[in-house]
Amino acid sequence: MRKLYAVLIICLSGILFPFCGSAQDEVFPTKDAIWNIYIPKYGAMVTSHYYGFVGDTVFDGLSYHKLYLLKDSVLRENPENVYVGGVRVSGKKVYMRPTDTATGKLLEEFLMYDFSVKVGDEVFGGMRPMVWGCTFENLTGSDIKNTKLQVFDVRDSELGREFGVDLNFESSEGYCESEGSDTWIEGVGSLLGLFLPPSSIPTGKQKWIDMAYGQRSALMCLKVGDKIRYKDPGCEECMEVLNVSENVVIPVTVRQIGNRRLSIQSLENSLPLQFELMNLSGQVVQSQTVRDSDTIIDLEVSVPGIYIS
């Protein structure tokens, strides 16, 4: 009789443990996962960026999977990988603890996804960095906003359970109107790609190419192990490298106000832009990231002369 019990226990453990180990991964990939994401920069559309989990860490007694901006499309330890933050899964919720890559400062944890929500739910997302870019770097207080997620759609699709979500951020007047909408897929994450803030421009590779000044990050492909879990319809190869930044025209109006100020006006969906002021030798004497459609820049040059912006 003892031998029979022993055999049963061994057989059951072989059946049950794989399900226990994969439950977390069904909510959100946490192992052997690599994302190929397009990310805009300074108003132009740039090439792919690869993210993946390499190793684990512990913050405040909680275990996190370490998310890196990868040097290439291979999941491995590489001194040129850039650490972005830690990600953990708790039930149907996915949290991220970002790190300022310029200063090494550990930022507050925020809610990336909640796959337990229903239509009409409002979910508080915590202090989320609302910045464009490949990593979090040189963040100020105005870059990190308290956020609220509003769920307007939940449906089953071929890819899995899909969630339509609006992101609102808190200001002195309370929670403002939607910063933009996003689509989450359980087991995949955001179709914008991980932690990036939404905007109103449609996602997808071909939409990027067709639009003259479109601004939206997009998930091109997610590969978990040797299986492709998601691939954009316009993406031919999962880890393809494509640069669509050539011949992009960004409409911007620059007006001089007095001797020391410039007014820069642009469309919301072409932000952010990079302002640079150069002398006739090509030396950059002042630079600034433009995040608002109507921005006033105070010129810092002290030597009279001819400058190019």
C-alpha atoms as a PDB file:
ATOM      1  CA  MET A   1       0.000   0.000   0.000  1.00  0.00           C
ATOM      2  CA  ARG A   2       2.861   2.411   0.788  1.00  0.00           C
ATOM      3  CA  LYS A   3       4.382   1.900  -2.628  1.00  0.00           C
ATOM      4  CA  LEU A   4       1.062   2.703  -4.296  1.00  0.00           C
ATOM      5  CA  TYR A   5       0.784   5.996  -2.382  1.00  0.00           C
ATOM      6  CA  ALA A   6       4.335   6.930  -3.315  1.00  0.00           C
ATOM      7  CA  VAL A   7       3.662   6.363  -7.011  1.00  0.00           C
ATOM      8  CA  LEU A   8       0.479   8.422  -6.869  1.00  0.00           C
ATOM      9  CA  ILE A   9       2.234  11.375  -5.210  1.00  0.00           C
ATOM     10  CA  ILE A  10       5.020  11.405  -7.796  1.00  0.00           C
ATOM     11  CA  CYS A  11       2.561  11.265 -10.683  1.00  0.00           C
ATOM     12  CA  LEU A  12       0.354  14.020  -9.277  1.00  0.00           C
ATOM     13  CA  SER A  13       3.304  16.308  -8.639  1.00  0.00           C
ATOM     14  CA  GLY A  14       4.325  15.970 -12.258  1.00  0.00           C
ATOM     15  CA  ILE A  15       0.844  17.001 -13.339  1.00  0.00           C
ATOM     16  CA  LEU A  16       0.117  19.804 -10.888  1.00  0.00           C
ATOM     17  CA  PHE A  17       3.393  21.693 -10.611  1.00  0.00           C
ATOM     18  CA  PRO A  18       3.631  22.764 -14.263  1.00  0.00           C
ATOM     19  CA  PHE A  19       0.227  24.427 -13.927  1.00  0.00           C
ATOM     20  CA  CYS A  20       1.291  26.200 -10.745  1.00  0.00           C
ATOM     21  CA  GLY A  21       4.483  27.454 -12.394  1.00  0.00           C
ATOM     22  CA  SER A  22       2.735  28.736 -15.519  1.00  0.00           C
ATOM     23  CA  ALA A  23      -0.197  30.475 -13.809  1.00  0.00           C
ATOM     24  CA  GLN A  24       1.796  33.693 -13.380  1.00  0.00           C
ATOM     25  CA  ASP A  25       3.016  33.569 -16.955  1.00  0.00           C
ATOM     26  CA  GLU A  26      -0.550  33.282 -18.266  1.00  0.00           C
ATOM     27  CA  VAL A  27      -1.360  36.647 -16.691  1.00  0.00           C
ATOM     28  CA  PHE A  28       1.838  38.329 -17.913  1.00  0.00           C
ATOM     29  CA  PRO A  29       5.124  36.896 -19.239  1.00  0.00           C
ATOM     30  CA  THR A  30       7.832  36.897 -16.588  1.00  0.00           C
ATOM     31  CA  LYS A  31      10.382  34.431 -17.956  1.00  0.00           C
ATOM     32  CA  ASP A  32      12.159  34.042 -21.316  1.00  0.00           C
ATOM     33  CA  ALA A  33      10.104  36.959 -22.685  1.00  0.00           C
ATOM     34  CA  ILE A  34      11.391  39.540 -25.157  1.00  0.00           C
ATOM     35  CA  TRP A  35       9.474  42.510 -26.579  1.00  0.00           C
ATOM     36  CA  ASN A  36      10.151  44.306 -29.869  1.00  0.00           C
ATOM     37  CA  ILE A  37       8.732  47.834 -29.503  1.00  0.00           C
ATOM     38  CA  TYR A  38       8.761  50.948 -31.666  1.00  0.00           C
ATOM     39  CA  ILE A  39       9.314  54.126 -29.658  1.00  0.00           C
ATOM     40  CA  PRO A  40       9.177  57.706 -31.021  1.00  0.00           C
ATOM     41  CA  LYS A  41      11.847  60.215 -30.089  1.00  0.00           C
ATOM     42  CA  TYR A  42      11.785  63.970 -30.566  1.00  0.00           C
ATOM     43  CA  GLY A  43       8.962  63.875 -33.081  1.00  0.00           C
ATOM     44  CA  ALA A  44      10.579  61.370 -35.448  1.00  0.00           C
ATOM     45  CA  MET A  45       9.791  57.682 -35.727  1.00  0.00           C
ATOM     46  CA  VAL A  46      12.711  55.474 -34.837  1.00  0.00           C
ATOM     47  CA  THR A  47      13.644  51.849 -34.964  1.00  0.00           C
ATOM     48  CA  SER A  48      12.914  48.879 -32.722  1.00  0.00           C
ATOM     49  CA  HIS A  49      13.849  48.626 -29.078  1.00  0.00           C
ATOM     50  CA  TYR A  50      14.153  45.269 -27.355  1.00  0.00           C
ATOM     51  CA  TYR A  51      13.172  44.599 -23.740  1.00  0.00           C
ATOM     52  CA  GLY A  52      13.446  41.412 -21.749  1.00  0.00           C
ATOM     53  CA  PHE A  53      13.719  39.889 -18.294  1.00  0.00           C
ATOM     54  CA  VAL A  54      17.185  38.900 -17.126  1.00  0.00           C
ATOM     55  CA  GLY A  55      17.429  37.773 -13.502  1.00  0.00           C
ATOM     56  CA  ASP A  56      15.504  38.651 -10.344  1.00  0.00           C
ATOM     57  CA  THR A  57      15.864  41.063  -7.443  1.00  0.00           C
ATOM     58  CA  VAL A  58      14.167  41.983  -4.152  1.00  0.00           C
ATOM     59  CA  PHE A  59      12.886  45.412  -3.043  1.00  0.00           C
ATOM     60  CA  ASP A  60      11.235  45.942   0.341  1.00  0.00           C
ATOM     61  CA  GLY A  61      10.766  42.205   0.793  1.00  0.00           C
ATOM     62  CA  LEU A  62       9.039  41.727  -2.595  1.00  0.00           C
ATOM     63  CA  SER A  63      10.515  39.718  -5.479  1.00  0.00           C
ATOM     64  CA  TYR A  64      10.749  41.379  -8.888  1.00  0.00           C
ATOM     65  CA  HIS A  65      11.820  40.222 -12.346  1.00  0.00           C
ATOM     66  CA  LYS A  66      14.516  42.554 -13.700  1.00  0.00           C
ATOM     67  CA  LEU A  67      13.478  44.290 -16.936  1.00  0.00           C
ATOM     68  CA  TYR A  68      16.236  45.528 -19.253  1.00  0.00           C
ATOM     69  CA  LEU A  69      16.484  47.549 -22.421  1.00  0.00           C
ATOM     70  CA  LEU A  70      18.547  44.998 -24.328  1.00  0.00           C
ATOM     71  CA  LYS A  71      21.555  45.701 -26.496  1.00  0.00           C
ATOM     72  CA  ASP A  72      20.233  43.243 -29.092  1.00  0.00           C
ATOM     73  CA  SER A  73      17.396  40.771 -29.578  1.00  0.00           C
ATOM     74  CA  VAL A  74      19.022  38.040 -27.467  1.00  0.00           C
ATOM     75  CA  LEU A  75      18.025  37.371 -23.850  1.00  0.00           C
ATOM     76  CA  ARG A  76      21.313  37.225 -21.968  1.00  0.00           C
ATOM     77  CA  GLU A  77      23.374  39.126 -19.436  1.00  0.00           C
ATOM     78  CA  ASN A  78      25.219  41.920 -21.202  1.00  0.00           C
ATOM     79  CA  PRO A  79      27.019  44.879 -19.575  1.00  0.00           C
ATOM     80  CA  GLU A  80      25.519  47.077 -22.312  1.00  0.00           C
ATOM     81  CA  ASN A  81      21.933  46.202 -21.304  1.00  0.00           C
ATOM     82  CA  VAL A  82      20.213  49.069 -19.458  1.00  0.00           C
ATOM     83  CA  TYR A  83      18.220  48.232 -16.326  1.00  0.00           C
ATOM     84  CA  VAL A  84      14.736  49.795 -16.482  1.00  0.00           C
ATOM     85  CA  GLY A  85      12.982  48.428 -13.412  1.00  0.00           C
ATOM     86  CA  GLY A  86      11.476  45.454 -11.634  1.00  0.00           C
ATOM     87  CA  VAL A  87       8.168  43.790 -12.539  1.00  0.00           C
ATOM     88  CA  ARG A  88       6.093  41.530 -10.311  1.00  0.00           C
ATOM     89  CA  VAL A  89       2.771  39.710 -10.690  1.00  0.00           C
ATOM     90  CA  SER A  90       0.273  39.390  -7.853  1.00  0.00           C
ATOM     91  CA  GLY A  91      -2.878  37.513  -8.774  1.00  0.00           C
ATOM     92  CA  LYS A  92      -4.281  39.249 -11.852  1.00  0.00           C
ATOM     93  CA  LYS A  93      -2.320  42.463 -11.243  1.00  0.00           C
ATOM     94  CA  VAL A  94       1.081  43.438 -12.663  1.00  0.00           C
ATOM     95  CA  TYR A  95       3.234  46.043 -10.904  1.00  0.00           C
ATOM     96  CA  MET A  96       6.412  47.855 -11.949  1.00  0.00           C
ATOM     97  CA  ARG A  97       9.088  49.465  -9.758  1.00  0.00           C
ATOM     98  CA  PRO A  98      11.028  51.728 -12.165  1.00  0.00           C
ATOM     99  CA  THR A  99      14.514  53.099 -11.637  1.00  0.00           C
ATOM    100  CA  ASP A 100      15.866  56.431 -12.876  1.00  0.00           C
ATOM    101  CA  THR A 101      18.658  55.174 -15.114  1.00  0.00           C
ATOM    102  CA  ALA A 102      20.594  58.450 -14.904  1.00  0.00           C
ATOM    103  CA  THR A 103      20.659  58.750 -11.119  1.00  0.00           C
ATOM    104  CA  GLY A 104      20.007  55.172  -9.978  1.00  0.00           C
ATOM    105  CA  LYS A 105      17.104  56.416  -7.834  1.00  0.00           C
ATOM    106  CA  LEU A 106      14.469  53.788  -7.089  1.00  0.00           C
ATOM    107  CA  LEU A 107      11.018  55.198  -7.928  1.00  0.00           C
ATOM    108  CA  GLU A 108       7.619  54.289  -6.502  1.00  0.00           C
ATOM    109  CA  GLU A 109       5.861  51.152  -7.659  1.00  0.00           C
ATOM    110  CA  PHE A 110       2.904  51.676  -9.996  1.00  0.00           C
ATOM    111  CA  LEU A 111       0.205  49.411 -11.403  1.00  0.00           C
ATOM    112  CA  MET A 112       0.944  48.399 -14.988  1.00  0.00           C
ATOM    113  CA  TYR A 113      -2.073  46.116 -15.535  1.00  0.00           C
ATOM    114  CA  ASP A 114      -5.095  44.760 -13.722  1.00  0.00           C
ATOM    115  CA  PHE A 115      -6.627  41.867 -15.647  1.00  0.00           C
ATOM    116  CA  SER A 116      -9.398  41.377 -13.088  1.00  0.00           C
ATOM    117  CA  VAL A 117     -11.270  44.564 -14.025  1.00  0.00           C
ATOM    118  CA  LYS A 118     -14.764  44.862 -15.529  1.00  0.00           C
ATOM    119  CA  VAL A 119     -16.325  47.484 -17.804  1.00  0.00           C
ATOM    120  CA  GLY A 120     -16.933  50.671 -15.849  1.00  0.00           C
ATOM    121  CA  ASP A 121     -14.260  49.980 -13.222  1.00  0.00           C
ATOM    122  CA  GLU A 122     -11.924  52.746 -12.081  1.00  0.00           C
ATOM    123  CA  VAL A 123      -8.520  51.586 -10.891  1.00  0.00           C
ATOM    124  CA  PHE A 124      -5.926  53.775  -9.204  1.00  0.00           C
ATOM    125  CA  GLY A 125      -2.586  53.171 -10.842  1.00  0.00           C
ATOM    126  CA  GLY A 126      -0.275  54.973  -8.423  1.00  0.00           C
ATOM    127  CA  MET A 127       2.628  57.287  -9.253  1.00  0.00           C
ATOM    128  CA  ARG A 128       3.427  56.553 -12.887  1.00  0.00           C
ATOM    129  CA  PRO A 129       6.243  58.240 -14.873  1.00  0.00           C
ATOM    130  CA  MET A 130       4.463  59.972 -17.784  1.00  0.00           C
ATOM    131  CA  VAL A 131       7.435  60.314 -20.112  1.00  0.00           C
ATOM    132  CA  TRP A 132       8.353  59.157 -23.589  1.00  0.00           C
ATOM    133  CA  GLY A 133      11.619  57.396 -24.183  1.00  0.00           C
ATOM    134  CA  CYS A 134      13.389  54.058 -23.927  1.00  0.00           C
ATOM    135  CA  THR A 135      14.104  54.301 -20.202  1.00  0.00           C
ATOM    136  CA  PHE A 136      13.297  56.487 -17.204  1.00  0.00           C
ATOM    137  CA  GLU A 137      16.046  59.069 -16.774  1.00  0.00           C
ATOM    138  CA  ASN A 138      16.531  62.452 -15.081  1.00  0.00           C
ATOM    139  CA  LEU A 139      12.909  62.499 -13.912  1.00  0.00           C
ATOM    140  CA  THR A 140      11.515  65.498 -12.055  1.00  0.00           C
ATOM    141  CA  GLY A 141       8.388  65.740  -9.928  1.00  0.00           C
ATOM    142  CA  SER A 142       6.307  66.943 -12.875  1.00  0.00           C
ATOM    143  CA  ASP A 143       7.230  63.813 -14.849  1.00  0.00           C
ATOM    144  CA  ILE A 144       5.584  61.499 -12.291  1.00  0.00           C
ATOM    145  CA  LYS A 145       1.813  61.733 -11.909  1.00  0.00           C
ATOM    146  CA  ASN A 146      -0.804  59.956  -9.850  1.00  0.00           C
ATOM    147  CA  THR A 147      -2.921  58.007 -12.326  1.00  0.00           C
ATOM    148  CA  LYS A 148      -6.372  56.492 -12.604  1.00  0.00           C
ATOM    149  CA  LEU A 149      -7.405  53.849 -15.132  1.00  0.00           C
ATOM    150  CA  GLN A 150     -10.964  53.703 -16.494  1.00  0.00           C
ATOM    151  CA  VAL A 151     -12.096  50.511 -18.218  1.00  0.00           C
ATOM    152  CA  PHE A 152     -14.457  51.063 -21.159  1.00  0.00           C
ATOM    153  CA  ASP A 153     -14.332  47.679 -22.890  1.00  0.00           C
ATOM    154  CA  VAL A 154     -13.658  44.022 -22.053  1.00  0.00           C
ATOM    155  CA  ARG A 155     -13.957  41.300 -24.678  1.00  0.00           C
ATOM    156  CA  ASP A 156     -12.621  37.901 -25.699  1.00  0.00           C
ATOM    157  CA  SER A 157     -10.575  37.763 -28.904  1.00  0.00           C
ATOM    158  CA  GLU A 158      -8.347  35.322 -30.782  1.00  0.00           C
ATOM    159  CA  LEU A 159      -5.366  36.727 -28.882  1.00  0.00           C
ATOM    160  CA  GLY A 160      -6.976  36.426 -25.455  1.00  0.00           C
ATOM    161  CA  ARG A 161      -9.028  38.617 -23.180  1.00  0.00           C
ATOM    162  CA  GLU A 162      -8.771  42.257 -24.321  1.00  0.00           C
ATOM    163  CA  PHE A 163      -9.291  45.363 -22.196  1.00  0.00           C
ATOM    164  CA  GLY A 164      -9.910  48.902 -23.452  1.00  0.00           C
ATOM    165  CA  VAL A 165      -8.496  51.364 -20.915  1.00  0.00           C
ATOM    166  CA  ASP A 166      -8.318  55.160 -20.597  1.00  0.00           C
ATOM    167  CA  LEU A 167      -5.480  56.663 -18.576  1.00  0.00           C
ATOM    168  CA  ASN A 168      -6.180  59.800 -16.515  1.00  0.00           C
ATOM    169  CA  PHE A 169      -3.613  61.718 -14.482  1.00  0.00           C
ATOM    170  CA  GLU A 170      -4.092  63.891 -11.424  1.00  0.00           C
ATOM    171  CA  SER A 171      -3.550  67.655 -11.466  1.00  0.00           C
ATOM    172  CA  SER A 172      -4.338  70.482  -9.046  1.00  0.00           C
ATOM    173  CA  GLU A 173      -7.898  70.483 -10.436  1.00  0.00           C
ATOM    174  CA  GLY A 174      -8.365  66.760  -9.824  1.00  0.00           C
ATOM    175  CA  TYR A 175      -8.174  63.991 -12.427  1.00  0.00           C
ATOM    176  CA  CYS A 176      -7.970  65.444 -15.941  1.00  0.00           C
ATOM    177  CA  GLU A 177      -9.547  64.062 -19.068  1.00  0.00           C
ATOM    178  CA  SER A 178      -8.049  60.964 -20.617  1.00  0.00           C
ATOM    179  CA  GLU A 179      -4.376  61.139 -21.525  1.00  0.00           C
ATOM    180  CA  GLY A 180      -5.199  58.535 -24.166  1.00  0.00           C
ATOM    181  CA  SER A 181      -6.492  55.010 -24.569  1.00  0.00           C
ATOM    182  CA  ASP A 182      -4.713  51.698 -24.640  1.00  0.00           C
ATOM    183  CA  THR A 183      -5.500  48.047 -25.328  1.00  0.00           C
ATOM    184  CA  TRP A 184      -4.355  45.368 -22.891  1.00  0.00           C
ATOM    185  CA  ILE A 185      -4.290  41.675 -23.714  1.00  0.00           C
ATOM    186  CA  GLU A 186      -4.051  39.206 -20.847  1.00  0.00           C
ATOM    187  CA  GLY A 187      -0.873  37.198 -21.277  1.00  0.00           C
ATOM    188  CA  VAL A 188       0.647  39.896 -23.527  1.00  0.00           C
ATOM    189  CA  GLY A 189       0.229  43.323 -21.924  1.00  0.00           C
ATOM    190  CA  SER A 190      -0.156  46.662 -23.666  1.00  0.00           C
ATOM    191  CA  LEU A 191      -0.275  46.984 -27.460  1.00  0.00           C
ATOM    192  CA  LEU A 192       1.702  50.188 -26.953  1.00  0.00           C
ATOM    193  CA  GLY A 193       4.463  48.175 -25.343  1.00  0.00           C
ATOM    194  CA  LEU A 194       5.031  47.818 -21.604  1.00  0.00           C
ATOM    195  CA  PHE A 195       5.183  51.054 -19.596  1.00  0.00           C
ATOM    196  CA  LEU A 196       4.713  53.741 -22.263  1.00  0.00           C
ATOM    197  CA  PRO A 197       1.922  56.338 -21.921  1.00  0.00           C
ATOM    198  CA  PRO A 198      -0.926  56.204 -24.446  1.00  0.00           C
ATOM    199  CA  SER A 199      -1.876  58.744 -27.088  1.00  0.00           C
ATOM    200  CA  SER A 200      -4.680  59.112 -29.599  1.00  0.00           C
ATOM    201  CA  ILE A 201      -2.840  57.862 -32.705  1.00  0.00           C
ATOM    202  CA  PRO A 202      -3.617  54.313 -33.953  1.00  0.00           C
ATOM    203  CA  THR A 203      -0.956  51.709 -33.296  1.00  0.00           C
ATOM    204  CA  GLY A 204       0.740  49.394 -35.777  1.00  0.00           C
ATOM    205  CA  LYS A 205       3.790  49.388 -38.021  1.00  0.00           C
ATOM    206  CA  GLN A 206       2.050  50.359 -41.265  1.00  0.00           C
ATOM    207  CA  LYS A 207       0.198  53.217 -39.568  1.00  0.00           C
ATOM    208  CA  TRP A 208       3.593  54.538 -38.469  1.00  0.00           C
ATOM    209  CA  ILE A 209       4.935  54.473 -42.010  1.00  0.00           C
ATOM    210  CA  ASP A 210       1.819  56.066 -43.524  1.00  0.00           C
ATOM    211  CA  MET A 211       1.574  58.968 -41.076  1.00  0.00           C
ATOM    212  CA  ALA A 212       3.749  62.013 -41.703  1.00  0.00           C
ATOM    213  CA  TYR A 213       4.071  62.930 -38.045  1.00  0.00           C
ATOM    214  CA  GLY A 214       2.434  60.170 -36.045  1.00  0.00           C
ATOM    215  CA  GLN A 215       3.483  59.781 -32.443  1.00  0.00           C
ATOM    216  CA  ARG A 216       2.748  56.484 -30.772  1.00  0.00           C
ATOM    217  CA  SER A 217       4.775  53.632 -29.467  1.00  0.00           C
ATOM    218  CA  ALA A 218       3.691  50.198 -30.687  1.00  0.00           C
ATOM    219  CA  LEU A 219       4.249  46.595 -29.695  1.00  0.00           C
ATOM    220  CA  MET A 220       5.594  44.883 -32.796  1.00  0.00           C
ATOM    221  CA  CYS A 221       6.184  41.429 -31.361  1.00  0.00           C
ATOM    222  CA  LEU A 222       6.317  39.476 -28.102  1.00  0.00           C
ATOM    223  CA  LYS A 223       8.215  36.218 -28.021  1.00  0.00           C
ATOM    224  CA  VAL A 224       8.115  33.918 -24.982  1.00  0.00           C
ATOM    225  CA  GLY A 225      10.615  31.083 -25.150  1.00  0.00           C
ATOM    226  CA  ASP A 226      10.550  29.807 -28.710  1.00  0.00           C
ATOM    227  CA  LYS A 227       6.913  30.797 -29.309  1.00  0.00           C
ATOM    228  CA  ILE A 228       5.544  34.048 -30.707  1.00  0.00           C
ATOM    229  CA  ARG A 229       2.727  35.188 -28.432  1.00  0.00           C
ATOM    230  CA  TYR A 230       1.881  38.391 -30.331  1.00  0.00           C
ATOM    231  CA  LYS A 231       2.933  39.859 -33.682  1.00  0.00           C
ATOM    232  CA  ASP A 232       1.661  43.055 -35.288  1.00  0.00           C
ATOM    233  CA  PRO A 233       0.007  42.352 -38.677  1.00  0.00           C
ATOM    234  CA  GLY A 234       2.514  44.648 -40.391  1.00  0.00           C
ATOM    235  CA  CYS A 235       5.530  42.966 -38.811  1.00  0.00           C
ATOM    236  CA  GLU A 236       7.172  40.387 -41.101  1.00  0.00           C
ATOM    237  CA  GLU A 237       9.777  39.005 -38.697  1.00  0.00           C
ATOM    238  CA  CYS A 238       9.259  39.002 -34.940  1.00  0.00           C
ATOM    239  CA  MET A 239      12.595  40.624 -34.109  1.00  0.00           C
ATOM    240  CA  GLU A 240      13.028  42.595 -37.315  1.00  0.00           C
ATOM    241  CA  VAL A 241      14.850  45.919 -37.161  1.00  0.00           C
ATOM    242  CA  LEU A 242      13.083  48.590 -39.146  1.00  0.00           C
ATOM    243  CA  ASN A 243      13.792  52.305 -39.183  1.00  0.00           C
ATOM    244  CA  VAL A 244      10.978  54.488 -40.479  1.00  0.00           C
ATOM    245  CA  SER A 245      12.421  57.820 -39.397  1.00  0.00           C
ATOM    246  CA  GLU A 246      13.517  58.924 -42.863  1.00  0.00           C
ATOM    247  CA  ASN A 247      11.598  61.690 -44.640  1.00  0.00           C
ATOM    248  CA  VAL A 248       9.434  62.484 -41.630  1.00  0.00           C
ATOM    249  CA  VAL A 249       8.184  66.084 -41.711  1.00  0.00           C
ATOM    250  CA  ILE A 250       7.146  67.610 -38.382  1.00  0.00           C
ATOM    251  CA  PRO A 251       5.056  70.837 -38.736  1.00  0.00           C
ATOM    252  CA  VAL A 252       6.384  73.364 -36.197  1.00  0.00           C
ATOM    253  CA  THR A 253       5.938  77.128 -35.923  1.00  0.00           C
ATOM    254  CA  VAL A 254       8.732  79.121 -34.240  1.00  0.00           C
ATOM    255  CA  ARG A 255       8.269  82.828 -33.476  1.00  0.00           C
ATOM    256  CA  GLN A 256      10.652  85.219 -31.764  1.00  0.00           C
ATOM    257  CA  ILE A 257       9.227  87.201 -28.842  1.00  0.00           C
ATOM    258  CA  GLY A 258      11.485  90.133 -28.075  1.00  0.00           C
ATOM    259  CA  ASN A 259      15.209  89.433 -27.930  1.00  0.00           C
ATOM    260  CA  ARG A 260      15.298  86.586 -25.424  1.00  0.00           C
ATOM    261  CA  ARG A 261      12.249  84.378 -25.973  1.00  0.00           C
ATOM    262  CA  LEU A 262      10.903  81.967 -28.577  1.00  0.00           C
ATOM    263  CA  SER A 263       7.372  80.663 -29.030  1.00  0.00           C
ATOM    264  CA  ILE A 264       7.196  77.082 -30.339  1.00  0.00           C
ATOM    265  CA  GLN A 265       3.855  75.722 -31.548  1.00  0.00           C
ATOM    266  CA  SER A 266       3.277  72.176 -32.783  1.00  0.00           C
ATOM    267  CA  LEU A 267       0.593  69.505 -32.951  1.00  0.00           C
ATOM    268  CA  GLU A 268      -0.061  67.422 -29.835  1.00  0.00           C
ATOM    269  CA  ASN A 269       0.602  64.172 -31.670  1.00  0.00           C
ATOM    270  CA  SER A 270       4.057  65.308 -32.788  1.00  0.00           C
ATOM    271  CA  LEU A 271       5.330  65.700 -29.228  1.00  0.00           C
ATOM    272  CA  PRO A 272       7.824  65.472 -27.686  1.00  0.00           C
ATOM    273  CA  LEU A 273      10.245  67.528 -29.803  1.00  0.00           C
ATOM    274  CA  GLN A 274      13.846  68.456 -29.187  1.00  0.00           C
ATOM    275  CA  PHE A 275      14.765  72.151 -29.373  1.00  0.00           C
ATOM    276  CA  GLU A 276      18.404  72.987 -30.072  1.00  0.00           C
ATOM    277  CA  LEU A 277      19.997  76.396 -30.497  1.00  0.00           C
ATOM    278  CA  MET A 278      23.303  76.412 -32.378  1.00  0.00           C
ATOM    279  CA  ASN A 279      25.842  79.042 -33.283  1.00  0.00           C
ATOM    280  CA  LEU A 280      27.210  79.333 -36.827  1.00  0.00           C
ATOM    281  CA  SER A 281      30.005  76.901 -35.943  1.00  0.00           C
ATOM    282  CA  GLY A 282      27.420  74.176 -35.348  1.00  0.00           C
ATOM    283  CA  GLN A 283      27.951  74.146 -31.574  1.00  0.00           C
ATOM    284  CA  VAL A 284      24.808  73.508 -29.536  1.00  0.00           C
ATOM    285  CA  VAL A 285      24.572  76.290 -26.961  1.00  0.00           C
ATOM    286  CA  GLN A 286      21.124  75.437 -25.569  1.00  0.00           C
ATOM    287  CA  SER A 287      18.819  72.427 -25.753  1.00  0.00           C
ATOM    288  CA  GLN A 288      15.433  71.554 -24.278  1.00  0.00           C
ATOM    289  CA  THR A 289      12.750  68.906 -24.671  1.00  0.00           C
ATOM    290  CA  VAL A 290       9.430  70.401 -25.811  1.00  0.00           C
ATOM    291  CA  ARG A 291       6.503  68.523 -24.251  1.00  0.00           C
ATOM    292  CA  ASP A 292       3.649  71.048 -24.766  1.00  0.00           C
ATOM    293  CA  SER A 293       2.039  72.105 -28.049  1.00  0.00           C
ATOM    294  CA  ASP A 294       2.493  75.786 -27.129  1.00  0.00           C
ATOM    295  CA  THR A 295       5.830  76.365 -25.403  1.00  0.00           C
ATOM    296  CA  ILE A 296       7.779  79.503 -24.518  1.00  0.00           C
ATOM    297  CA  ILE A 297      11.548  79.095 -24.321  1.00  0.00           C
ATOM    298  CA  ASP A 298      13.743  81.657 -22.570  1.00  0.00           C
ATOM    299  CA  LEU A 299      17.021  81.949 -24.440  1.00  0.00           C
ATOM    300  CA  GLU A 300      20.103  81.589 -22.270  1.00  0.00           C
ATOM    301  CA  VAL A 301      22.747  82.917 -24.680  1.00  0.00           C
ATOM    302  CA  SER A 302      24.706  85.887 -23.403  1.00  0.00           C
ATOM    303  CA  VAL A 303      26.839  86.684 -26.474  1.00  0.00           C
ATOM    304  CA  PRO A 304      25.139  88.652 -29.299  1.00  0.00           C
ATOM    305  CA  GLY A 305      25.288  86.935 -32.680  1.00  0.00           C
ATOM    306  CA  ILE A 306      23.472  84.838 -35.241  1.00  0.00           C
ATOM    307  CA  TYR A 307      22.009  81.539 -34.016  1.00  0.00           C
ATOM    308  CA  ILE A 308      20.111  78.673 -35.650  1.00  0.00           C
ATOM    309  CA  SER A 309      17.276  76.718 -34.013  1.00  0.00           C
END
